[in-house]
Amino acid sequence: MIPKWRVYQNKAADFFINLGLTAQVEHKVEGARGKHKLDIFVTGKVHGLDVRWVVECKCWSTNVPKEKALTLLGIVQDIGADKGILLSEVGFQSGAIKTVKETNIMLTSLADLRQSIKESFAESVFANLHWRITKLSHRLHELHRLEKDRYFFTRPIAEKSKLMFLEFAFKGALRGQYPVIYAIGEKDTRLLAEDFDDLVKKSSDLILAAEKFADEYRPEPRTKTDLAPNPKIKL
């Protein structure tokens, strides 16, 4: 059975991954004063800026004391991270809250973090996903262009069509219009995303599958016979 603290740690890592960031669990980092083993080390870009965050997870039944906040503050300062996030679903002692006042340490729960960060990240996350779709659409169109029978519904076009609802889904999500349709399934069934996390995960899965297809697919090229004029057709 997986310990509760590890489940909590993995949930926190998944949250940052779903935002398009990299989250390394139990990651070791070299600081100016020594090595540190971090619960989660988050890296990536937010609004075009590189970020390095240290996330510590406390799956406790009691409030987290100020000593843990001070420890996290020391680690953040030692490795030069942008932010430290101390997570607890139970809460924090008053001393811990006072200790991190006016510092780059955030004391919060995973539930509260979802709400506060999602609101500021949603637009940049969807913009990143949209850019991937745009580049991918160009690649799939090029594969279609290279196909022998380019005028039919080729496999590259079929893959491209799976992504066509995502842009509308992102616009609806930014207006808070959940659930949103993100794709059409078998027998024209509407596939829905219930919330932000659900939409990011499902759209990421669709994009990754299409990117893998584009990397691996080899179109059937047209031969010289295909390119030759048809003698039965008068020009």
C-alpha atoms as a PDB file:
ATOM      1  CA  MET A   1       0.000   0.000   0.000  1.00  0.00           C
ATOM      2  CA  ILE A   2       1.330   3.428  -0.973  1.00  0.00           C
ATOM      3  CA  PRO A   3       1.895   5.707   2.058  1.00  0.00           C
ATOM      4  CA  LYS A   4      -0.427   8.698   2.336  1.00  0.00           C
ATOM      5  CA  TRP A   5       2.472  11.152   2.263  1.00  0.00           C
ATOM      6  CA  ARG A   6       3.679   9.759  -1.077  1.00  0.00           C
ATOM      7  CA  VAL A   7       0.170   9.911  -2.560  1.00  0.00           C
ATOM      8  CA  TYR A   8      -0.035  13.559  -1.461  1.00  0.00           C
ATOM      9  CA  GLN A   9       3.393  14.264  -2.925  1.00  0.00           C
ATOM     10  CA  ASN A  10       2.461  12.685  -6.256  1.00  0.00           C
ATOM     11  CA  LYS A  11      -0.808  14.628  -6.415  1.00  0.00           C
ATOM     12  CA  ALA A  12       1.096  17.855  -5.927  1.00  0.00           C
ATOM     13  CA  ALA A  13       3.620  16.920  -8.638  1.00  0.00           C
ATOM     14  CA  ASP A  14       0.803  16.028 -11.051  1.00  0.00           C
ATOM     15  CA  PHE A  15      -0.772  19.430 -10.454  1.00  0.00           C
ATOM     16  CA  PHE A  16       2.347  21.261 -11.648  1.00  0.00           C
ATOM     17  CA  ILE A  17       2.840  18.846 -14.546  1.00  0.00           C
ATOM     18  CA  ASN A  18      -0.715  19.522 -15.717  1.00  0.00           C
ATOM     19  CA  LEU A  19       0.170  23.209 -15.800  1.00  0.00           C
ATOM     20  CA  GLY A  20       2.860  22.426 -18.369  1.00  0.00           C
ATOM     21  CA  LEU A  21       5.753  22.629 -15.898  1.00  0.00           C
ATOM     22  CA  THR A  22       8.365  20.015 -14.993  1.00  0.00           C
ATOM     23  CA  ALA A  23       8.021  18.524 -11.496  1.00  0.00           C
ATOM     24  CA  GLN A  24      10.844  16.279 -10.256  1.00  0.00           C
ATOM     25  CA  VAL A  25       9.943  14.276  -7.147  1.00  0.00           C
ATOM     26  CA  GLU A  26      12.554  13.739  -4.391  1.00  0.00           C
ATOM     27  CA  HIS A  27      15.077  15.678  -6.433  1.00  0.00           C
ATOM     28  CA  LYS A  28      18.589  16.462  -5.174  1.00  0.00           C
ATOM     29  CA  VAL A  29      19.967  19.963  -5.713  1.00  0.00           C
ATOM     30  CA  GLU A  30      23.422  21.349  -4.937  1.00  0.00           C
ATOM     31  CA  GLY A  31      23.350  24.636  -3.037  1.00  0.00           C
ATOM     32  CA  ALA A  32      26.052  27.027  -1.855  1.00  0.00           C
ATOM     33  CA  ARG A  33      26.036  25.392   1.593  1.00  0.00           C
ATOM     34  CA  GLY A  34      25.455  21.775   0.583  1.00  0.00           C
ATOM     35  CA  LYS A  35      23.063  19.302  -1.051  1.00  0.00           C
ATOM     36  CA  HIS A  36      19.331  19.292  -0.485  1.00  0.00           C
ATOM     37  CA  LYS A  37      16.766  16.577  -1.180  1.00  0.00           C
ATOM     38  CA  LEU A  38      13.537  18.277  -2.221  1.00  0.00           C
ATOM     39  CA  ASP A  39      10.052  16.806  -2.133  1.00  0.00           C
ATOM     40  CA  ILE A  40       9.368  18.415  -5.513  1.00  0.00           C
ATOM     41  CA  PHE A  41      11.516  20.667  -7.695  1.00  0.00           C
ATOM     42  CA  VAL A  42       9.439  22.605 -10.227  1.00  0.00           C
ATOM     43  CA  THR A  43      10.965  24.211 -13.318  1.00  0.00           C
ATOM     44  CA  GLY A  44       9.624  25.671 -16.545  1.00  0.00           C
ATOM     45  CA  LYS A  45       8.327  28.929 -17.970  1.00  0.00           C
ATOM     46  CA  VAL A  46       5.510  31.107 -16.650  1.00  0.00           C
ATOM     47  CA  HIS A  47       4.497  34.039 -18.863  1.00  0.00           C
ATOM     48  CA  GLY A  48       7.780  33.573 -20.735  1.00  0.00           C
ATOM     49  CA  LEU A  49       9.957  33.660 -17.610  1.00  0.00           C
ATOM     50  CA  ASP A  50      12.025  30.754 -16.270  1.00  0.00           C
ATOM     51  CA  VAL A  51      10.926  29.576 -12.818  1.00  0.00           C
ATOM     52  CA  ARG A  52      12.558  27.371 -10.171  1.00  0.00           C
ATOM     53  CA  TRP A  53      10.318  26.450  -7.255  1.00  0.00           C
ATOM     54  CA  VAL A  54      10.909  24.271  -4.209  1.00  0.00           C
ATOM     55  CA  VAL A  55       7.771  22.479  -3.031  1.00  0.00           C
ATOM     56  CA  GLU A  56       7.621  20.685   0.333  1.00  0.00           C
ATOM     57  CA  CYS A  57       4.606  18.512   1.172  1.00  0.00           C
ATOM     58  CA  LYS A  58       3.479  17.886   4.757  1.00  0.00           C
ATOM     59  CA  CYS A  59       0.761  15.224   4.903  1.00  0.00           C
ATOM     60  CA  TRP A  60       0.269  15.707   8.641  1.00  0.00           C
ATOM     61  CA  SER A  61      -2.664  15.613  11.036  1.00  0.00           C
ATOM     62  CA  THR A  62      -1.351  18.660  12.944  1.00  0.00           C
ATOM     63  CA  ASN A  63      -0.486  22.224  11.963  1.00  0.00           C
ATOM     64  CA  VAL A  64       2.993  22.729  10.497  1.00  0.00           C
ATOM     65  CA  PRO A  65       5.349  24.631  12.874  1.00  0.00           C
ATOM     66  CA  LYS A  66       7.572  27.576  11.994  1.00  0.00           C
ATOM     67  CA  GLU A  67      10.705  25.393  12.005  1.00  0.00           C
ATOM     68  CA  LYS A  68       9.586  23.756   8.750  1.00  0.00           C
ATOM     69  CA  ALA A  69       8.912  27.148   7.197  1.00  0.00           C
ATOM     70  CA  LEU A  70      12.375  28.348   8.257  1.00  0.00           C
ATOM     71  CA  THR A  71      13.974  25.208   6.806  1.00  0.00           C
ATOM     72  CA  LEU A  72      12.263  25.763   3.466  1.00  0.00           C
ATOM     73  CA  LEU A  73      13.258  29.433   3.469  1.00  0.00           C
ATOM     74  CA  GLY A  74      16.890  28.438   4.037  1.00  0.00           C
ATOM     75  CA  ILE A  75      16.839  25.943   1.166  1.00  0.00           C
ATOM     76  CA  VAL A  76      15.254  28.443  -1.216  1.00  0.00           C
ATOM     77  CA  GLN A  77      17.886  31.033  -0.361  1.00  0.00           C
ATOM     78  CA  ASP A  78      20.730  28.504  -0.596  1.00  0.00           C
ATOM     79  CA  ILE A  79      19.897  27.272  -4.105  1.00  0.00           C
ATOM     80  CA  GLY A  80      18.614  30.615  -5.404  1.00  0.00           C
ATOM     81  CA  ALA A  81      15.083  29.421  -6.161  1.00  0.00           C
ATOM     82  CA  ASP A  82      12.369  31.905  -7.111  1.00  0.00           C
ATOM     83  CA  LYS A  83       9.782  30.585  -4.685  1.00  0.00           C
ATOM     84  CA  GLY A  84       9.189  28.057  -1.945  1.00  0.00           C
ATOM     85  CA  ILE A  85       5.789  26.436  -1.451  1.00  0.00           C
ATOM     86  CA  LEU A  86       4.930  24.598   1.754  1.00  0.00           C
ATOM     87  CA  LEU A  87       1.834  22.451   1.345  1.00  0.00           C
ATOM     88  CA  SER A  88      -0.435  21.229   4.150  1.00  0.00           C
ATOM     89  CA  GLU A  89      -4.139  20.399   4.027  1.00  0.00           C
ATOM     90  CA  VAL A  90      -4.424  20.850   7.815  1.00  0.00           C
ATOM     91  CA  GLY A  91      -2.851  24.272   8.282  1.00  0.00           C
ATOM     92  CA  PHE A  92       0.088  26.115   9.831  1.00  0.00           C
ATOM     93  CA  GLN A  93       0.977  27.398  13.268  1.00  0.00           C
ATOM     94  CA  SER A  94       0.814  31.163  13.744  1.00  0.00           C
ATOM     95  CA  GLY A  95       4.603  31.272  14.124  1.00  0.00           C
ATOM     96  CA  ALA A  96       5.078  29.739  10.676  1.00  0.00           C
ATOM     97  CA  ILE A  97       2.747  32.291   9.104  1.00  0.00           C
ATOM     98  CA  LYS A  98       4.608  35.193  10.758  1.00  0.00           C
ATOM     99  CA  THR A  99       8.000  33.752   9.805  1.00  0.00           C
ATOM    100  CA  VAL A 100       7.376  33.817   6.047  1.00  0.00           C
ATOM    101  CA  LYS A 101       5.624  37.188   5.941  1.00  0.00           C
ATOM    102  CA  GLU A 102       7.171  39.371   3.201  1.00  0.00           C
ATOM    103  CA  THR A 103       9.332  36.482   1.926  1.00  0.00           C
ATOM    104  CA  ASN A 104       9.109  34.356  -1.227  1.00  0.00           C
ATOM    105  CA  ILE A 105       7.636  31.444   0.756  1.00  0.00           C
ATOM    106  CA  MET A 106       3.994  30.485   0.256  1.00  0.00           C
ATOM    107  CA  LEU A 107       2.084  28.527   2.895  1.00  0.00           C
ATOM    108  CA  THR A 108      -0.986  26.952   1.373  1.00  0.00           C
ATOM    109  CA  SER A 109      -2.987  23.788   0.787  1.00  0.00           C
ATOM    110  CA  LEU A 110      -3.105  21.914  -2.483  1.00  0.00           C
ATOM    111  CA  ALA A 111      -6.801  22.779  -2.780  1.00  0.00           C
ATOM    112  CA  ASP A 112      -6.162  26.528  -2.361  1.00  0.00           C
ATOM    113  CA  LEU A 113      -3.121  26.363  -4.630  1.00  0.00           C
ATOM    114  CA  ARG A 114      -5.242  24.878  -7.415  1.00  0.00           C
ATOM    115  CA  GLN A 115      -7.576  27.855  -7.314  1.00  0.00           C
ATOM    116  CA  SER A 116      -5.013  30.669  -6.962  1.00  0.00           C
ATOM    117  CA  ILE A 117      -2.464  29.385  -9.476  1.00  0.00           C
ATOM    118  CA  LYS A 118      -5.000  28.169 -12.016  1.00  0.00           C
ATOM    119  CA  GLU A 119      -6.519  31.614 -12.331  1.00  0.00           C
ATOM    120  CA  SER A 120      -3.164  33.215 -13.143  1.00  0.00           C
ATOM    121  CA  PHE A 121      -1.795  30.308 -15.191  1.00  0.00           C
ATOM    122  CA  ALA A 122      -4.836  29.312 -17.217  1.00  0.00           C
ATOM    123  CA  GLU A 123      -4.280  31.801 -20.023  1.00  0.00           C
ATOM    124  CA  SER A 124      -0.569  31.017 -20.421  1.00  0.00           C
ATOM    125  CA  VAL A 125      -1.197  27.250 -20.233  1.00  0.00           C
ATOM    126  CA  PHE A 126      -3.830  27.385 -22.970  1.00  0.00           C
ATOM    127  CA  ALA A 127      -1.628  29.692 -25.064  1.00  0.00           C
ATOM    128  CA  ASN A 128       1.181  27.132 -24.873  1.00  0.00           C
ATOM    129  CA  LEU A 129      -1.152  24.291 -25.861  1.00  0.00           C
ATOM    130  CA  HIS A 130      -2.560  26.372 -28.730  1.00  0.00           C
ATOM    131  CA  TRP A 131       0.952  27.057 -30.054  1.00  0.00           C
ATOM    132  CA  ARG A 132       1.710  23.328 -30.033  1.00  0.00           C
ATOM    133  CA  ILE A 133      -1.508  22.674 -31.953  1.00  0.00           C
ATOM    134  CA  THR A 134      -0.622  25.330 -34.544  1.00  0.00           C
ATOM    135  CA  LYS A 135       2.828  23.839 -35.199  1.00  0.00           C
ATOM    136  CA  LEU A 136       1.401  20.335 -35.238  1.00  0.00           C
ATOM    137  CA  SER A 137      -1.316  21.286 -37.728  1.00  0.00           C
ATOM    138  CA  HIS A 138       1.343  22.543 -40.137  1.00  0.00           C
ATOM    139  CA  ARG A 139       3.264  19.262 -39.797  1.00  0.00           C
ATOM    140  CA  LEU A 140       0.156  17.162 -40.413  1.00  0.00           C
ATOM    141  CA  HIS A 141      -0.792  19.266 -43.426  1.00  0.00           C
ATOM    142  CA  GLU A 142       2.675  18.724 -44.873  1.00  0.00           C
ATOM    143  CA  LEU A 143       2.348  14.957 -44.383  1.00  0.00           C
ATOM    144  CA  HIS A 144      -1.008  15.120 -46.141  1.00  0.00           C
ATOM    145  CA  ARG A 145       0.562  17.068 -49.015  1.00  0.00           C
ATOM    146  CA  LEU A 146       3.171  14.341 -49.477  1.00  0.00           C
ATOM    147  CA  GLU A 147       0.585  11.563 -49.641  1.00  0.00           C
ATOM    148  CA  LYS A 148      -0.021   9.741 -52.902  1.00  0.00           C
ATOM    149  CA  ASP A 149      -3.779  10.261 -52.680  1.00  0.00           C
ATOM    150  CA  ARG A 150      -3.790  13.723 -51.174  1.00  0.00           C
ATOM    151  CA  TYR A 151      -7.348  14.547 -52.196  1.00  0.00           C
ATOM    152  CA  PHE A 152      -8.910  11.985 -49.897  1.00  0.00           C
ATOM    153  CA  PHE A 153      -9.349  11.963 -46.108  1.00  0.00           C
ATOM    154  CA  THR A 154      -5.794  10.850 -45.363  1.00  0.00           C
ATOM    155  CA  ARG A 155      -4.554   9.690 -41.985  1.00  0.00           C
ATOM    156  CA  PRO A 156      -2.735  13.008 -41.327  1.00  0.00           C
ATOM    157  CA  ILE A 157      -5.976  14.904 -41.963  1.00  0.00           C
ATOM    158  CA  ALA A 158      -7.830  12.479 -39.690  1.00  0.00           C
ATOM    159  CA  GLU A 159      -5.332  13.226 -36.903  1.00  0.00           C
ATOM    160  CA  LYS A 160      -5.621  16.955 -37.542  1.00  0.00           C
ATOM    161  CA  SER A 161      -9.411  16.784 -37.303  1.00  0.00           C
ATOM    162  CA  LYS A 162      -9.138  15.367 -33.764  1.00  0.00           C
ATOM    163  CA  LEU A 163      -7.667  18.681 -32.615  1.00  0.00           C
ATOM    164  CA  MET A 164     -10.214  21.002 -34.203  1.00  0.00           C
ATOM    165  CA  PHE A 165     -12.421  21.395 -31.101  1.00  0.00           C
ATOM    166  CA  LEU A 166      -9.597  22.251 -28.695  1.00  0.00           C
ATOM    167  CA  GLU A 167      -9.374  25.935 -29.594  1.00  0.00           C
ATOM    168  CA  PHE A 168     -13.097  26.391 -28.885  1.00  0.00           C
ATOM    169  CA  ALA A 169     -12.667  24.406 -25.657  1.00  0.00           C
ATOM    170  CA  PHE A 170      -9.873  26.735 -24.479  1.00  0.00           C
ATOM    171  CA  LYS A 171     -11.987  29.836 -25.174  1.00  0.00           C
ATOM    172  CA  GLY A 172     -14.921  28.374 -23.278  1.00  0.00           C
ATOM    173  CA  ALA A 173     -12.690  27.363 -20.373  1.00  0.00           C
ATOM    174  CA  LEU A 174     -11.257  30.867 -20.015  1.00  0.00           C
ATOM    175  CA  ARG A 175     -14.838  32.108 -19.640  1.00  0.00           C
ATOM    176  CA  GLY A 176     -15.484  29.421 -17.036  1.00  0.00           C
ATOM    177  CA  GLN A 177     -17.980  27.582 -19.231  1.00  0.00           C
ATOM    178  CA  TYR A 178     -17.441  24.041 -17.963  1.00  0.00           C
ATOM    179  CA  PRO A 179     -18.020  21.338 -19.006  1.00  0.00           C
ATOM    180  CA  VAL A 180     -16.551  21.999 -22.473  1.00  0.00           C
ATOM    181  CA  ILE A 181     -16.479  19.810 -25.578  1.00  0.00           C
ATOM    182  CA  TYR A 182     -12.862  19.023 -26.407  1.00  0.00           C
ATOM    183  CA  ALA A 183     -13.355  16.317 -29.091  1.00  0.00           C
ATOM    184  CA  ILE A 184     -15.864  14.120 -30.902  1.00  0.00           C
ATOM    185  CA  GLY A 185     -15.744  10.397 -30.190  1.00  0.00           C
ATOM    186  CA  GLU A 186     -17.220   7.338 -31.836  1.00  0.00           C
ATOM    187  CA  LYS A 187     -20.735   7.641 -33.270  1.00  0.00           C
ATOM    188  CA  ASP A 188     -20.407  11.444 -33.011  1.00  0.00           C
ATOM    189  CA  THR A 189     -20.481  11.409 -29.205  1.00  0.00           C
ATOM    190  CA  ARG A 190     -19.338  14.620 -27.538  1.00  0.00           C
ATOM    191  CA  LEU A 191     -16.332  14.181 -25.277  1.00  0.00           C
ATOM    192  CA  LEU A 192     -16.407  16.578 -22.317  1.00  0.00           C
ATOM    193  CA  ALA A 193     -13.832  18.033 -19.944  1.00  0.00           C
ATOM    194  CA  GLU A 194     -15.353  18.806 -16.560  1.00  0.00           C
ATOM    195  CA  ASP A 195     -12.815  21.332 -15.232  1.00  0.00           C
ATOM    196  CA  PHE A 196      -9.396  22.938 -15.825  1.00  0.00           C
ATOM    197  CA  ASP A 197      -7.324  19.922 -14.749  1.00  0.00           C
ATOM    198  CA  ASP A 198      -9.480  17.591 -16.820  1.00  0.00           C
ATOM    199  CA  LEU A 199      -9.208  19.779 -19.945  1.00  0.00           C
ATOM    200  CA  VAL A 200      -5.442  20.247 -19.653  1.00  0.00           C
ATOM    201  CA  LYS A 201      -4.882  16.507 -19.216  1.00  0.00           C
ATOM    202  CA  LYS A 202      -7.204  15.428 -22.018  1.00  0.00           C
ATOM    203  CA  SER A 203      -5.997  18.060 -24.483  1.00  0.00           C
ATOM    204  CA  SER A 204      -2.366  17.246 -23.635  1.00  0.00           C
ATOM    205  CA  ASP A 205      -3.064  13.546 -24.281  1.00  0.00           C
ATOM    206  CA  LEU A 206      -4.617  14.354 -27.676  1.00  0.00           C
ATOM    207  CA  ILE A 207      -1.715  16.600 -28.674  1.00  0.00           C
ATOM    208  CA  LEU A 208       0.912  14.095 -27.531  1.00  0.00           C
ATOM    209  CA  ALA A 209      -0.767  11.305 -29.513  1.00  0.00           C
ATOM    210  CA  ALA A 210      -0.883  13.477 -32.645  1.00  0.00           C
ATOM    211  CA  GLU A 211       2.759  14.549 -32.160  1.00  0.00           C
ATOM    212  CA  LYS A 212       3.785  10.901 -31.886  1.00  0.00           C
ATOM    213  CA  PHE A 213       1.839  10.132 -35.056  1.00  0.00           C
ATOM    214  CA  ALA A 214       3.578  12.987 -36.906  1.00  0.00           C
ATOM    215  CA  ASP A 215       6.995  11.743 -35.730  1.00  0.00           C
ATOM    216  CA  GLU A 216       6.399   8.153 -36.779  1.00  0.00           C
ATOM    217  CA  TYR A 217       4.133   8.336 -39.833  1.00  0.00           C
ATOM    218  CA  ARG A 218       5.662   7.900 -43.272  1.00  0.00           C
ATOM    219  CA  PRO A 219       3.355   8.952 -46.126  1.00  0.00           C
ATOM    220  CA  GLU A 220       3.102   6.870 -49.262  1.00  0.00           C
ATOM    221  CA  PRO A 221       4.847   9.062 -51.848  1.00  0.00           C
ATOM    222  CA  ARG A 222       3.584   9.566 -55.336  1.00  0.00           C
ATOM    223  CA  THR A 223       5.508   7.685 -58.032  1.00  0.00           C
ATOM    224  CA  LYS A 224       6.591   8.886 -61.451  1.00  0.00           C
ATOM    225  CA  THR A 225       3.581   7.077 -62.884  1.00  0.00           C
ATOM    226  CA  ASP A 226       1.297   9.088 -60.623  1.00  0.00           C
ATOM    227  CA  LEU A 227       2.949  12.308 -61.766  1.00  0.00           C
ATOM    228  CA  ALA A 228       2.800  11.468 -65.493  1.00  0.00           C
ATOM    229  CA  PRO A 229      -0.038  13.043 -67.547  1.00  0.00           C
ATOM    230  CA  ASN A 230      -3.019  10.836 -68.205  1.00  0.00           C
ATOM    231  CA  PRO A 231      -3.048  10.185 -71.991  1.00  0.00           C
ATOM    232  CA  LYS A 232      -6.829   9.921 -71.948  1.00  0.00           C
ATOM    233  CA  ILE A 233      -7.162  13.475 -70.774  1.00  0.00           C
ATOM    234  CA  LYS A 234      -6.868  16.156 -73.454  1.00  0.00           C
ATOM    235  CA  LEU A 235      -5.155  19.277 -72.270  1.00  0.00           C
END
